[in-house]
Amino acid sequence: MKIIVLLINLSLFNAVTTLLAADVDFPTQVFPIFEKSCLTCHGPEKKKGGLRLDSQTATLKGGDDGIVLVPGDAAKSDLYRRITLPSGNDDVMPNKGAVLTKAQTDLIRDWINQGAHWPQSAVASVPQEKASAPIRPACCRFQTDGGGNQSDRQSSGDGD
């Protein structure tokens, strides 16, 4: 009987350990939270406090108050601190609408503690009406380098 109880406890321990160690998938689990709750104020259109959370580079840069994300250490990440503050606190994020659920903050905590892996493909999209190319004067043309990359070049005005 003791062996059966021991085996059941060992199985439960292994199951819990596996669940806790499961990698958080940023594009499907964390980024949707950012898109819904953060990017209205901290995205490509608006950068409150100088902070953008729509790309890895921008997020790691931080904002006016400094670094907000310390990969591998949620306890030192201001992003995590602010999303776990009580509702009504002046510094809680998001500061408009509903605060994040415990499940959401736990997911972000685990993602940060696991190294805050952020695939380059996971970036916010700019709304279509904002994404259209700027109107360029007739003197300026785009030239591709053969690899699909465009660069500006000044037209000499002689039909080139």
C-alpha atoms as a PDB file:
ATOM      1  CA  MET A   1       0.000   0.000   0.000  1.00  0.00           C
ATOM      2  CA  LYS A   2       2.819   2.418   0.864  1.00  0.00           C
ATOM      3  CA  ILE A   3       4.455   1.732  -2.475  1.00  0.00           C
ATOM      4  CA  ILE A   4       1.231   2.562  -4.348  1.00  0.00           C
ATOM      5  CA  VAL A   5       0.848   5.857  -2.461  1.00  0.00           C
ATOM      6  CA  LEU A   6       4.496   6.662  -3.121  1.00  0.00           C
ATOM      7  CA  LEU A   7       4.105   5.931  -6.843  1.00  0.00           C
ATOM      8  CA  ILE A   8       0.957   8.085  -7.049  1.00  0.00           C
ATOM      9  CA  ASN A   9       2.721  10.960  -5.274  1.00  0.00           C
ATOM     10  CA  LEU A  10       5.735  10.586  -7.548  1.00  0.00           C
ATOM     11  CA  SER A  11       3.479  10.629 -10.621  1.00  0.00           C
ATOM     12  CA  LEU A  12       1.680  13.748  -9.386  1.00  0.00           C
ATOM     13  CA  PHE A  13       4.991  15.446  -8.643  1.00  0.00           C
ATOM     14  CA  ASN A  14       6.256  14.668 -12.148  1.00  0.00           C
ATOM     15  CA  ALA A  15       3.030  15.952 -13.726  1.00  0.00           C
ATOM     16  CA  VAL A  16       3.196  19.230 -11.776  1.00  0.00           C
ATOM     17  CA  THR A  17       6.895  19.661 -12.557  1.00  0.00           C
ATOM     18  CA  THR A  18       6.229  19.089 -16.261  1.00  0.00           C
ATOM     19  CA  LEU A  19       3.408  21.645 -16.263  1.00  0.00           C
ATOM     20  CA  LEU A  20       5.529  24.225 -14.483  1.00  0.00           C
ATOM     21  CA  ALA A  21       8.438  23.673 -16.844  1.00  0.00           C
ATOM     22  CA  ALA A  22       6.332  23.923 -20.003  1.00  0.00           C
ATOM     23  CA  ASP A  23       7.679  26.598 -22.287  1.00  0.00           C
ATOM     24  CA  VAL A  24       5.447  29.594 -22.784  1.00  0.00           C
ATOM     25  CA  ASP A  25       4.822  30.225 -26.484  1.00  0.00           C
ATOM     26  CA  PHE A  26       5.111  33.968 -26.999  1.00  0.00           C
ATOM     27  CA  PRO A  27       3.253  34.320 -30.333  1.00  0.00           C
ATOM     28  CA  THR A  28       0.204  32.333 -29.230  1.00  0.00           C
ATOM     29  CA  GLN A  29       0.091  32.975 -25.491  1.00  0.00           C
ATOM     30  CA  VAL A  30       1.779  36.257 -24.531  1.00  0.00           C
ATOM     31  CA  PHE A  31       1.583  38.475 -27.607  1.00  0.00           C
ATOM     32  CA  PRO A  32      -2.239  38.234 -27.789  1.00  0.00           C
ATOM     33  CA  ILE A  33      -2.335  39.657 -24.235  1.00  0.00           C
ATOM     34  CA  PHE A  34      -0.050  42.506 -25.308  1.00  0.00           C
ATOM     35  CA  GLU A  35      -2.190  43.175 -28.390  1.00  0.00           C
ATOM     36  CA  LYS A  36      -5.425  43.263 -26.406  1.00  0.00           C
ATOM     37  CA  SER A  37      -4.270  45.077 -23.271  1.00  0.00           C
ATOM     38  CA  CYS A  38      -1.062  47.001 -23.987  1.00  0.00           C
ATOM     39  CA  LEU A  39      -0.579  48.085 -27.586  1.00  0.00           C
ATOM     40  CA  THR A  40      -3.295  50.748 -27.632  1.00  0.00           C
ATOM     41  CA  CYS A  41      -1.003  52.864 -25.455  1.00  0.00           C
ATOM     42  CA  HIS A  42       2.391  51.203 -26.071  1.00  0.00           C
ATOM     43  CA  GLY A  43       2.345  50.281 -29.761  1.00  0.00           C
ATOM     44  CA  PRO A  44       3.398  51.617 -33.130  1.00  0.00           C
ATOM     45  CA  GLU A  45       0.729  54.343 -33.115  1.00  0.00           C
ATOM     46  CA  LYS A  46       1.198  55.605 -29.559  1.00  0.00           C
ATOM     47  CA  LYS A  47       4.201  55.374 -27.213  1.00  0.00           C
ATOM     48  CA  LYS A  48       3.043  56.457 -23.755  1.00  0.00           C
ATOM     49  CA  GLY A  49       6.026  56.998 -21.512  1.00  0.00           C
ATOM     50  CA  GLY A  50       8.264  56.394 -24.518  1.00  0.00           C
ATOM     51  CA  LEU A  51       7.526  52.664 -24.247  1.00  0.00           C
ATOM     52  CA  ARG A  52       6.612  50.351 -27.080  1.00  0.00           C
ATOM     53  CA  LEU A  53       5.635  46.726 -26.539  1.00  0.00           C
ATOM     54  CA  ASP A  54       5.041  45.811 -30.164  1.00  0.00           C
ATOM     55  CA  SER A  55       8.494  44.403 -30.970  1.00  0.00           C
ATOM     56  CA  GLN A  56      11.326  42.751 -29.095  1.00  0.00           C
ATOM     57  CA  THR A  57      13.799  45.506 -29.922  1.00  0.00           C
ATOM     58  CA  ALA A  58      11.482  48.286 -28.746  1.00  0.00           C
ATOM     59  CA  THR A  59      10.489  46.423 -25.580  1.00  0.00           C
ATOM     60  CA  LEU A  60      14.077  45.669 -24.582  1.00  0.00           C
ATOM     61  CA  LYS A  61      14.970  49.326 -25.160  1.00  0.00           C
ATOM     62  CA  GLY A  62      12.488  50.347 -22.463  1.00  0.00           C
ATOM     63  CA  GLY A  63      10.840  53.720 -22.060  1.00  0.00           C
ATOM     64  CA  ASP A  64      11.258  57.058 -20.350  1.00  0.00           C
ATOM     65  CA  ASP A  65      11.508  55.323 -16.953  1.00  0.00           C
ATOM     66  CA  GLY A  66      14.193  52.894 -18.154  1.00  0.00           C
ATOM     67  CA  ILE A  67      14.337  49.171 -18.817  1.00  0.00           C
ATOM     68  CA  VAL A  68      11.033  47.338 -18.279  1.00  0.00           C
ATOM     69  CA  LEU A  69      11.990  43.781 -19.236  1.00  0.00           C
ATOM     70  CA  VAL A  70      14.855  41.760 -17.762  1.00  0.00           C
ATOM     71  CA  PRO A  71      14.821  38.415 -19.596  1.00  0.00           C
ATOM     72  CA  GLY A  72      15.159  35.569 -17.115  1.00  0.00           C
ATOM     73  CA  ASP A  73      14.106  37.626 -14.081  1.00  0.00           C
ATOM     74  CA  ALA A  74      10.473  38.695 -13.714  1.00  0.00           C
ATOM     75  CA  ALA A  75      11.211  40.033 -10.220  1.00  0.00           C
ATOM     76  CA  LYS A  76      13.515  42.675 -11.762  1.00  0.00           C
ATOM     77  CA  SER A  77      11.164  43.446 -14.674  1.00  0.00           C
ATOM     78  CA  ASP A  78       9.111  46.596 -14.217  1.00  0.00           C
ATOM     79  CA  LEU A  79       6.665  45.267 -16.816  1.00  0.00           C
ATOM     80  CA  TYR A  80       5.792  42.371 -14.499  1.00  0.00           C
ATOM     81  CA  ARG A  81       5.704  44.587 -11.418  1.00  0.00           C
ATOM     82  CA  ARG A  82       3.226  46.978 -13.027  1.00  0.00           C
ATOM     83  CA  ILE A  83       0.859  44.291 -14.306  1.00  0.00           C
ATOM     84  CA  THR A  84       0.664  42.741 -10.833  1.00  0.00           C
ATOM     85  CA  LEU A  85      -0.088  45.920  -8.896  1.00  0.00           C
ATOM     86  CA  PRO A  86      -3.558  46.139  -7.353  1.00  0.00           C
ATOM     87  CA  SER A  87      -6.348  47.723  -9.365  1.00  0.00           C
ATOM     88  CA  GLY A  88      -6.521  51.443  -8.603  1.00  0.00           C
ATOM     89  CA  ASN A  89      -2.769  51.827  -8.033  1.00  0.00           C
ATOM     90  CA  ASP A  90      -1.429  54.815  -9.984  1.00  0.00           C
ATOM     91  CA  ASP A  91       1.221  52.641 -11.677  1.00  0.00           C
ATOM     92  CA  VAL A  92      -0.889  49.559 -12.509  1.00  0.00           C
ATOM     93  CA  MET A  93      -0.938  48.499 -16.146  1.00  0.00           C
ATOM     94  CA  PRO A  94      -3.090  48.477 -18.054  1.00  0.00           C
ATOM     95  CA  ASN A  95      -4.318  51.674 -16.424  1.00  0.00           C
ATOM     96  CA  LYS A  96      -7.491  51.747 -18.519  1.00  0.00           C
ATOM     97  CA  GLY A  97      -9.969  48.900 -18.675  1.00  0.00           C
ATOM     98  CA  ALA A  98      -9.690  45.657 -16.768  1.00  0.00           C
ATOM     99  CA  VAL A  99      -6.446  44.628 -15.115  1.00  0.00           C
ATOM    100  CA  LEU A 100      -4.916  41.372 -16.292  1.00  0.00           C
ATOM    101  CA  THR A 101      -6.093  38.138 -14.731  1.00  0.00           C
ATOM    102  CA  LYS A 102      -3.824  36.111 -12.454  1.00  0.00           C
ATOM    103  CA  ALA A 103      -3.533  33.505 -15.215  1.00  0.00           C
ATOM    104  CA  GLN A 104      -2.353  36.198 -17.640  1.00  0.00           C
ATOM    105  CA  THR A 105       0.181  37.709 -15.222  1.00  0.00           C
ATOM    106  CA  ASP A 106       1.454  34.228 -14.322  1.00  0.00           C
ATOM    107  CA  LEU A 107       1.906  33.455 -18.012  1.00  0.00           C
ATOM    108  CA  ILE A 108       3.881  36.677 -18.560  1.00  0.00           C
ATOM    109  CA  ARG A 109       5.942  35.978 -15.419  1.00  0.00           C
ATOM    110  CA  ASP A 110       6.790  32.484 -16.670  1.00  0.00           C
ATOM    111  CA  TRP A 111       7.636  33.825 -20.140  1.00  0.00           C
ATOM    112  CA  ILE A 112      10.018  36.401 -18.621  1.00  0.00           C
ATOM    113  CA  ASN A 113      11.604  33.845 -16.275  1.00  0.00           C
ATOM    114  CA  GLN A 114      12.103  31.470 -19.234  1.00  0.00           C
ATOM    115  CA  GLY A 115      14.190  34.123 -20.981  1.00  0.00           C
ATOM    116  CA  ALA A 116      11.479  36.246 -22.652  1.00  0.00           C
ATOM    117  CA  HIS A 117      11.998  34.564 -26.021  1.00  0.00           C
ATOM    118  CA  TRP A 118      10.351  36.704 -28.706  1.00  0.00           C
ATOM    119  CA  PRO A 119      10.507  35.460 -32.297  1.00  0.00           C
ATOM    120  CA  GLN A 120      11.270  38.245 -34.769  1.00  0.00           C
ATOM    121  CA  SER A 121       8.109  37.309 -36.664  1.00  0.00           C
ATOM    122  CA  ALA A 122       5.928  38.368 -33.717  1.00  0.00           C
ATOM    123  CA  VAL A 123       5.422  42.087 -34.221  1.00  0.00           C
ATOM    124  CA  ALA A 124       2.313  44.215 -34.178  1.00  0.00           C
ATOM    125  CA  SER A 125       0.820  45.064 -37.503  1.00  0.00           C
ATOM    126  CA  VAL A 126       0.077  48.651 -38.436  1.00  0.00           C
ATOM    127  CA  PRO A 127      -3.546  49.173 -39.502  1.00  0.00           C
ATOM    128  CA  GLN A 128      -3.902  49.105 -43.313  1.00  0.00           C
ATOM    129  CA  GLU A 129      -4.868  52.768 -43.654  1.00  0.00           C
ATOM    130  CA  LYS A 130      -1.654  53.701 -41.806  1.00  0.00           C
ATOM    131  CA  ALA A 131       0.520  51.163 -43.624  1.00  0.00           C
ATOM    132  CA  SER A 132       0.206  52.674 -47.090  1.00  0.00           C
ATOM    133  CA  ALA A 133       3.428  54.026 -48.538  1.00  0.00           C
ATOM    134  CA  PRO A 134       3.997  57.745 -48.057  1.00  0.00           C
ATOM    135  CA  ILE A 135       3.480  59.926 -51.098  1.00  0.00           C
ATOM    136  CA  ARG A 136       6.873  60.798 -52.524  1.00  0.00           C
ATOM    137  CA  PRO A 137       7.715  63.785 -54.674  1.00  0.00           C
ATOM    138  CA  ALA A 138       8.209  62.982 -58.373  1.00  0.00           C
ATOM    139  CA  CYS A 139      11.957  63.430 -57.970  1.00  0.00           C
ATOM    140  CA  CYS A 140      12.251  60.484 -55.594  1.00  0.00           C
ATOM    141  CA  ARG A 141      11.968  56.866 -56.716  1.00  0.00           C
ATOM    142  CA  PHE A 142      12.415  53.499 -55.058  1.00  0.00           C
ATOM    143  CA  GLN A 143      15.055  51.152 -56.257  1.00  0.00           C
ATOM    144  CA  THR A 144      15.288  47.497 -55.300  1.00  0.00           C
ATOM    145  CA  ASP A 145      18.582  45.796 -54.656  1.00  0.00           C
ATOM    146  CA  GLY A 146      17.465  42.550 -56.305  1.00  0.00           C
ATOM    147  CA  GLY A 147      16.600  40.980 -52.960  1.00  0.00           C
ATOM    148  CA  GLY A 148      13.310  42.795 -52.597  1.00  0.00           C
ATOM    149  CA  ASN A 149      14.777  45.530 -50.396  1.00  0.00           C
ATOM    150  CA  GLN A 150      13.975  49.088 -51.351  1.00  0.00           C
ATOM    151  CA  SER A 151      16.096  52.155 -50.946  1.00  0.00           C
ATOM    152  CA  ASP A 152      15.465  55.792 -51.739  1.00  0.00           C
ATOM    153  CA  ARG A 153      17.422  57.406 -54.480  1.00  0.00           C
ATOM    154  CA  GLN A 154      17.251  60.885 -55.848  1.00  0.00           C
ATOM    155  CA  SER A 155      16.202  61.209 -59.468  1.00  0.00           C
ATOM    156  CA  SER A 156      18.410  63.444 -61.560  1.00  0.00           C
ATOM    157  CA  GLY A 157      15.305  64.641 -63.371  1.00  0.00           C
ATOM    158  CA  ASP A 158      16.578  63.412 -66.761  1.00  0.00           C
ATOM    159  CA  GLY A 159      14.128  60.537 -67.018  1.00  0.00           C
ATOM    160  CA  ASP A 160      16.075  57.851 -65.166  1.00  0.00           C
END
